[in-house]
Amino acid sequence: MQVYNLPSNPKVLIFDIDSTLYTCPEYAHEQIDSQVRHWAKLNGYSAEGARNMVADFRRKWASEHNGQKISLGNLFKFFGVSIETSIEWRKKLFDPALYLHRDEKLIAALEQLSKNFYMICVTNNPVEPARKTLEVIGISGVFPKIIGLDTCMASKPSKKILDAALKEAEAALGESLSYSDCISIGDRYDIDLALAIELGMGGILVSGAEEVCVLTEQLKSNG
C-alpha cells in the first residue's frame, strides 16, 4: 500500500473496483482478454495477433507519455472502437460469478468504513457488470452509487468522472464538497490516482482486497 497526500478530515472514499475490491488475477486478465479476442474475431485477426497489436500500442503509448499506462477503453478508441461499443461488449462478455466469491472479511471492513465515510465506486466498466461484481463479492449494499463507463461516456483517467463522483457525494451528504474532501483508492496509479491527486484528492494505491481490508487502520493512523 502506498499513500499520497491524505487530507486531514476526509469525507468521501472513491473506490476503483477491478483488482481493488477483489484479488483475482484470472478475472482481471479475462476482462481484458475477452475484449481483445472479441475485437480480433470481428476483424478477422488471430487472438494472438490482436494481443500483440494491443501490447505494441501500450508500449508505444508509454514511451510517448512518460511511462504512463492507458486504459483499454481509451486504447480501443485509437482502433476505431467507440466507448459506446466498449460498453456493449463489456455488458455481454463479463461474468464475475464465474471467478469471484463472497468475501466476508472485505464485507466487514467496508461496512466499518461506511460508518465514517460516504463511499462510491468509479469504474471503467459499465454500471451493470460493475454492480454484478459487487453483488457477487457481497459488498453492493455499501456502495449505493457507481460511476461507470456509461455514466459519463468516458474512461479513466477523466476529470468528468471524478466530478460526477463528487456531485453524487454532495447530493448524498447534503453539503458542498471539494476535491480535498476525497480520497481515491485503486490499484493503478496512472489510471486511478494520478489525476485525482493532481486535482487535490488524497490517494491510496492498493494491490487488492487484502489491503482494502486494513484501510480502517491506515485512515485512523492518518487522523
Protein backbone atom coordinates (compact mmCIF):
# COMPACT_ATOMS: atom_id res chain seq x y z
CA MET A 1 0.00 0.00 0.00
CA GLN A 2 1.22 3.49 -0.88
CA VAL A 3 -0.38 6.64 0.47
CA TYR A 4 -0.37 10.06 -1.19
CA ASN A 5 -1.37 13.44 0.28
CA LEU A 6 -4.18 12.24 2.54
CA PRO A 7 -6.49 15.05 3.69
CA SER A 8 -6.74 15.60 7.44
CA ASN A 9 -10.51 15.18 7.55
CA PRO A 10 -11.71 13.19 4.50
CA LYS A 11 -15.41 12.62 3.98
CA VAL A 12 -15.55 10.61 0.75
CA LEU A 13 -13.79 7.43 -0.36
CA ILE A 14 -13.80 6.84 -4.13
CA PHE A 15 -13.04 3.19 -4.91
CA ASP A 16 -11.97 1.55 -8.12
CA ILE A 17 -13.44 -1.97 -8.41
CA ASP A 18 -11.39 -4.35 -10.53
CA SER A 19 -8.24 -5.63 -8.78
CA THR A 20 -9.03 -3.19 -5.95
CA LEU A 21 -12.14 -4.65 -4.31
CA TYR A 22 -11.18 -8.20 -5.22
CA THR A 23 -7.94 -10.07 -5.79
CA CYS A 24 -8.34 -12.39 -8.77
CA PRO A 25 -5.72 -12.01 -11.50
CA GLU A 26 -7.59 -14.54 -13.64
CA TYR A 27 -10.74 -12.43 -13.81
CA ALA A 28 -8.80 -9.19 -14.24
CA HIS A 29 -6.96 -10.76 -17.17
CA GLU A 30 -10.13 -12.27 -18.68
CA GLN A 31 -11.88 -8.90 -18.75
CA ILE A 32 -9.10 -7.53 -20.92
CA ASP A 33 -8.51 -10.63 -23.00
CA SER A 34 -12.17 -11.34 -23.72
CA GLN A 35 -12.50 -7.92 -25.33
CA VAL A 36 -9.29 -8.36 -27.31
CA ARG A 37 -10.46 -11.79 -28.53
CA HIS A 38 -13.86 -10.35 -29.49
CA TRP A 39 -12.24 -7.48 -31.37
CA ALA A 40 -9.97 -9.98 -33.14
CA LYS A 41 -12.92 -12.13 -34.21
CA LEU A 42 -14.84 -9.16 -35.58
CA ASN A 43 -11.84 -8.01 -37.61
CA GLY A 44 -10.52 -11.36 -38.81
CA TYR A 45 -7.37 -11.27 -36.69
CA SER A 46 -5.96 -14.15 -34.72
CA ALA A 47 -6.31 -13.79 -30.97
CA GLU A 48 -2.54 -13.76 -30.58
CA GLY A 49 -2.14 -11.20 -33.34
CA ALA A 50 -4.68 -8.91 -31.66
CA ARG A 51 -2.95 -9.31 -28.30
CA ASN A 52 0.33 -8.31 -29.90
CA MET A 53 -1.26 -5.25 -31.51
CA VAL A 54 -2.65 -4.12 -28.16
CA ALA A 55 0.66 -4.78 -26.38
CA ASP A 56 2.59 -2.88 -29.05
CA PHE A 57 0.23 0.09 -28.75
CA ARG A 58 0.58 0.10 -24.95
CA ARG A 59 4.37 0.12 -25.23
CA LYS A 60 4.32 2.93 -27.77
CA TRP A 61 1.87 4.95 -25.67
CA ALA A 62 4.00 4.54 -22.55
CA SER A 63 7.17 5.57 -24.39
CA GLU A 64 5.46 8.73 -25.66
CA HIS A 65 3.75 9.61 -22.35
CA ASN A 66 6.47 9.33 -19.72
CA GLY A 67 5.74 5.69 -18.97
CA GLN A 68 2.05 6.24 -18.27
CA LYS A 69 -0.48 3.46 -18.85
CA ILE A 70 -3.64 3.73 -20.94
CA SER A 71 -6.97 2.07 -20.19
CA LEU A 72 -8.30 -0.46 -22.68
CA GLY A 73 -11.36 1.68 -23.38
CA ASN A 74 -9.19 4.64 -24.34
CA LEU A 75 -6.80 2.40 -26.27
CA PHE A 76 -9.58 0.87 -28.34
CA LYS A 77 -10.73 4.32 -29.45
CA PHE A 78 -7.50 4.55 -31.46
CA PHE A 79 -8.56 1.33 -33.24
CA GLY A 80 -11.98 2.71 -34.12
CA VAL A 81 -13.91 1.13 -31.22
CA SER A 82 -16.14 3.75 -29.62
CA ILE A 83 -16.89 3.98 -25.92
CA GLU A 84 -20.49 3.04 -26.76
CA THR A 85 -19.27 -0.16 -28.40
CA SER A 86 -16.94 -0.93 -25.48
CA ILE A 87 -19.91 -0.61 -23.14
CA GLU A 88 -21.95 -3.16 -25.08
CA TRP A 89 -19.03 -5.59 -25.27
CA ARG A 90 -18.41 -5.42 -21.54
CA LYS A 91 -22.06 -5.99 -20.70
CA LYS A 92 -22.09 -9.09 -22.88
CA LEU A 93 -18.67 -10.61 -22.25
CA PHE A 94 -18.19 -10.35 -18.46
CA ASP A 95 -19.50 -12.81 -15.87
CA PRO A 96 -17.95 -12.15 -12.44
CA ALA A 97 -19.80 -15.10 -10.87
CA LEU A 98 -17.51 -17.46 -12.76
CA TYR A 99 -14.45 -16.09 -10.99
CA LEU A 100 -15.35 -14.25 -7.78
CA HIS A 101 -16.99 -15.17 -4.49
CA ARG A 102 -18.35 -13.61 -1.31
CA ASP A 103 -15.61 -12.05 0.82
CA GLU A 104 -16.68 -11.85 4.47
CA LYS A 105 -13.52 -10.07 5.63
CA LEU A 106 -13.90 -7.38 3.00
CA ILE A 107 -17.60 -7.01 3.76
CA ALA A 108 -16.83 -6.35 7.43
CA ALA A 109 -14.05 -3.89 6.61
CA LEU A 110 -16.16 -1.87 4.19
CA GLU A 111 -19.17 -1.82 6.48
CA GLN A 112 -16.91 -0.36 9.17
CA LEU A 113 -15.57 2.29 6.80
CA SER A 114 -19.08 3.20 5.67
CA LYS A 115 -19.89 4.36 9.21
CA ASN A 116 -17.41 7.22 8.84
CA PHE A 117 -17.25 7.95 5.10
CA TYR A 118 -19.51 8.26 2.09
CA MET A 119 -18.28 5.59 -0.31
CA ILE A 120 -18.74 5.43 -4.06
CA CYS A 121 -17.31 3.27 -6.85
CA VAL A 122 -15.77 4.67 -10.02
CA THR A 123 -15.01 2.11 -12.71
CA ASN A 124 -14.12 1.81 -16.37
CA ASN A 125 -16.77 -0.88 -16.71
CA PRO A 126 -20.45 -0.11 -17.31
CA VAL A 127 -22.63 0.12 -14.22
CA GLU A 128 -24.46 -3.16 -14.89
CA PRO A 129 -21.47 -5.56 -14.82
CA ALA A 130 -19.86 -3.46 -12.09
CA ARG A 131 -22.94 -3.87 -9.89
CA LYS A 132 -22.93 -7.62 -10.55
CA THR A 133 -19.31 -7.75 -9.38
CA LEU A 134 -20.18 -6.00 -6.12
CA GLU A 135 -23.14 -8.33 -5.60
CA VAL A 136 -21.04 -11.47 -6.07
CA ILE A 137 -18.49 -10.23 -3.53
CA GLY A 138 -21.28 -9.25 -1.13
CA ILE A 139 -20.48 -5.52 -0.92
CA SER A 140 -23.17 -3.97 -3.11
CA GLY A 141 -25.02 -2.57 -0.10
CA VAL A 142 -22.20 -0.26 0.98
CA PHE A 143 -21.96 1.35 -2.46
CA PRO A 144 -25.33 2.94 -3.30
CA LYS A 145 -23.87 4.62 -6.40
CA ILE A 146 -21.49 3.53 -9.14
CA ILE A 147 -19.99 5.93 -11.67
CA GLY A 148 -19.37 3.69 -14.67
CA LEU A 149 -18.20 3.90 -18.24
CA ASP A 150 -21.80 4.51 -19.33
CA THR A 151 -22.40 7.27 -16.75
CA CYS A 152 -20.14 9.85 -18.34
CA MET A 153 -19.22 8.05 -21.57
CA ALA A 154 -15.58 8.44 -20.61
CA SER A 155 -12.83 6.11 -19.44
CA LYS A 156 -10.49 6.87 -16.54
CA PRO A 157 -8.48 8.95 -16.09
CA SER A 158 -11.09 11.64 -16.67
CA LYS A 159 -11.99 14.75 -14.67
CA LYS A 160 -15.57 14.29 -15.85
CA ILE A 161 -15.78 11.00 -13.93
CA LEU A 162 -14.32 12.42 -10.72
CA ASP A 163 -16.65 15.42 -10.93
CA ALA A 164 -19.61 13.05 -11.23
CA ALA A 165 -18.48 11.14 -8.13
CA LEU A 166 -18.09 14.39 -6.21
CA LYS A 167 -21.57 15.52 -7.28
CA GLU A 168 -23.12 12.23 -6.11
CA ALA A 169 -21.36 12.58 -2.75
CA GLU A 170 -22.61 16.14 -2.35
CA ALA A 171 -26.18 15.03 -3.02
CA ALA A 172 -25.90 12.14 -0.56
CA LEU A 173 -24.31 14.20 2.22
CA GLY A 174 -26.32 17.35 1.56
CA GLU A 175 -23.31 19.64 1.60
CA SER A 176 -20.80 21.26 -0.71
CA LEU A 177 -17.57 19.32 -1.10
CA SER A 178 -14.17 19.90 -2.64
CA TYR A 179 -11.60 17.53 -4.07
CA SER A 180 -9.67 17.81 -0.81
CA ASP A 181 -12.56 16.09 0.99
CA CYS A 182 -11.97 12.92 -1.03
CA ILE A 183 -9.56 10.01 -1.25
CA SER A 184 -9.23 7.96 -4.43
CA ILE A 185 -8.38 4.28 -3.89
CA GLY A 186 -7.24 1.98 -6.68
CA ASP A 187 -4.67 -0.48 -7.95
CA ARG A 188 -3.29 1.56 -10.88
CA TYR A 189 -1.52 4.83 -10.17
CA ASP A 190 -1.81 6.29 -13.67
CA ILE A 191 -5.45 5.32 -14.14
CA ASP A 192 -6.94 5.63 -10.65
CA LEU A 193 -4.79 8.08 -8.70
CA ALA A 194 -2.63 10.47 -10.72
CA LEU A 195 -5.40 12.83 -11.88
CA ALA A 196 -7.22 12.64 -8.54
CA ILE A 197 -4.06 13.67 -6.70
CA GLU A 198 -3.39 16.45 -9.22
CA LEU A 199 -6.88 17.81 -8.52
CA GLY A 200 -6.27 17.81 -4.76
CA MET A 201 -7.62 14.47 -3.60
CA GLY A 202 -5.71 12.05 -1.45
CA GLY A 203 -4.68 8.77 -3.00
CA ILE A 204 -4.15 5.23 -1.77
CA LEU A 205 -2.59 2.65 -4.08
CA VAL A 206 -3.54 -0.91 -3.15
CA SER A 207 -2.69 -4.31 -4.58
CA GLY A 208 -6.12 -5.85 -3.96
CA ALA A 209 -8.80 -6.63 -1.42
CA GLU A 210 -6.36 -7.68 1.29
CA GLU A 211 -5.03 -4.14 1.54
CA VAL A 212 -8.51 -2.62 1.38
CA CYS A 213 -9.30 -4.70 4.47
CA VAL A 214 -6.75 -2.73 6.51
CA LEU A 215 -7.77 0.74 5.32
CA THR A 216 -9.55 1.45 8.60
CA GLU A 217 -6.26 1.24 10.47
CA GLN A 218 -4.48 3.30 7.83
CA LEU A 219 -7.07 6.08 7.95
CA LYS A 220 -7.12 6.06 11.75
CA SER A 221 -3.35 6.48 11.85
CA ASN A 222 -3.65 9.35 9.37
CA GLY A 223 -6.21 11.07 11.59
